[in-house]
Amino acid sequence: MEDETNEEIARILGLGRSTVKTHVSSILRRFDVDTRAAAVSRAMELTRFRPVIGPE
């Protein structure tokens, strides 16, 4: 999921929009960041995860 709104994520996952908003807010707060992009970056730092882009 990339650049989806809370409403789009809720529809895709079969959840309520407010549930998605609550979880996103919780993630942002726990990572002490203001944006979803910053949360992804922080998660990658913490887990040393690097996505594979394209064939190797």
C-alpha atoms as a PDB file:
ATOM      1  CA  MET A   1       0.000   0.000   0.000  1.00  0.00           C
ATOM      2  CA  GLU A   2       1.513   3.244  -1.071  1.00  0.00           C
ATOM      3  CA  ASP A   3       0.064   6.727  -0.609  1.00  0.00           C
ATOM      4  CA  GLU A   4      -3.374   5.416   0.375  1.00  0.00           C
ATOM      5  CA  THR A   5      -5.650   7.474   2.566  1.00  0.00           C
ATOM      6  CA  ASN A   6      -7.027   6.113   5.820  1.00  0.00           C
ATOM      7  CA  GLU A   7     -10.314   5.532   4.016  1.00  0.00           C
ATOM      8  CA  GLU A   8      -8.650   3.550   1.224  1.00  0.00           C
ATOM      9  CA  ILE A   9      -6.663   1.460   3.707  1.00  0.00           C
ATOM     10  CA  ALA A  10      -9.835   0.799   5.708  1.00  0.00           C
ATOM     11  CA  ARG A  11     -11.638  -0.394   2.588  1.00  0.00           C
ATOM     12  CA  ILE A  12      -8.752  -2.629   1.503  1.00  0.00           C
ATOM     13  CA  LEU A  13      -8.419  -4.219   4.956  1.00  0.00           C
ATOM     14  CA  GLY A  14     -12.109  -4.297   5.767  1.00  0.00           C
ATOM     15  CA  LEU A  15     -11.711  -2.037   8.791  1.00  0.00           C
ATOM     16  CA  GLY A  16     -13.354   1.165   9.933  1.00  0.00           C
ATOM     17  CA  ARG A  17     -11.684   4.426   8.947  1.00  0.00           C
ATOM     18  CA  SER A  18     -11.415   5.412  12.613  1.00  0.00           C
ATOM     19  CA  THR A  19      -9.640   2.113  13.399  1.00  0.00           C
ATOM     20  CA  VAL A  20      -7.031   2.815  10.730  1.00  0.00           C
ATOM     21  CA  LYS A  21      -6.623   6.393  11.959  1.00  0.00           C
ATOM     22  CA  THR A  22      -6.122   5.158  15.520  1.00  0.00           C
ATOM     23  CA  HIS A  23      -3.452   2.658  14.485  1.00  0.00           C
ATOM     24  CA  VAL A  24      -1.619   5.121  12.237  1.00  0.00           C
ATOM     25  CA  SER A  25      -1.637   7.711  15.019  1.00  0.00           C
ATOM     26  CA  SER A  26      -0.298   5.132  17.467  1.00  0.00           C
ATOM     27  CA  ILE A  27       2.539   4.191  15.112  1.00  0.00           C
ATOM     28  CA  LEU A  28       3.484   7.835  14.556  1.00  0.00           C
ATOM     29  CA  ARG A  29       3.461   8.501  18.300  1.00  0.00           C
ATOM     30  CA  ARG A  30       5.536   5.400  19.142  1.00  0.00           C
ATOM     31  CA  PHE A  31       8.139   6.272  16.532  1.00  0.00           C
ATOM     32  CA  ASP A  32       8.023   9.950  17.566  1.00  0.00           C
ATOM     33  CA  VAL A  33       7.488  11.124  13.988  1.00  0.00           C
ATOM     34  CA  ASP A  34       4.938  13.296  12.190  1.00  0.00           C
ATOM     35  CA  THR A  35       4.460  11.558   8.846  1.00  0.00           C
ATOM     36  CA  ARG A  36       3.920   8.059   7.513  1.00  0.00           C
ATOM     37  CA  ALA A  37       7.061   8.373   5.410  1.00  0.00           C
ATOM     38  CA  ALA A  38       9.069   9.195   8.524  1.00  0.00           C
ATOM     39  CA  ALA A  39       7.522   6.189  10.285  1.00  0.00           C
ATOM     40  CA  VAL A  40       8.585   3.892   7.442  1.00  0.00           C
ATOM     41  CA  SER A  41      12.084   5.352   7.515  1.00  0.00           C
ATOM     42  CA  ARG A  42      12.282   4.889  11.289  1.00  0.00           C
ATOM     43  CA  ALA A  43      11.025   1.304  11.051  1.00  0.00           C
ATOM     44  CA  MET A  44      13.667   0.562   8.444  1.00  0.00           C
ATOM     45  CA  GLU A  45      16.343   2.017  10.733  1.00  0.00           C
ATOM     46  CA  LEU A  46      15.182  -0.033  13.690  1.00  0.00           C
ATOM     47  CA  THR A  47      14.921  -3.311  11.814  1.00  0.00           C
ATOM     48  CA  ARG A  48      17.700  -2.739   9.322  1.00  0.00           C
ATOM     49  CA  PHE A  49      15.134  -3.638   6.693  1.00  0.00           C
ATOM     50  CA  ARG A  50      15.864  -2.634   3.128  1.00  0.00           C
ATOM     51  CA  PRO A  51      13.290  -3.307   0.445  1.00  0.00           C
ATOM     52  CA  VAL A  52      14.445  -5.080  -2.683  1.00  0.00           C
ATOM     53  CA  ILE A  53      13.655  -3.005  -5.735  1.00  0.00           C
ATOM     54  CA  GLY A  54      13.623  -4.882  -9.010  1.00  0.00           C
ATOM     55  CA  PRO A  55      15.403  -8.097  -9.913  1.00  0.00           C
ATOM     56  CA  GLU A  56      18.806  -8.721  -8.426  1.00  0.00           C
END
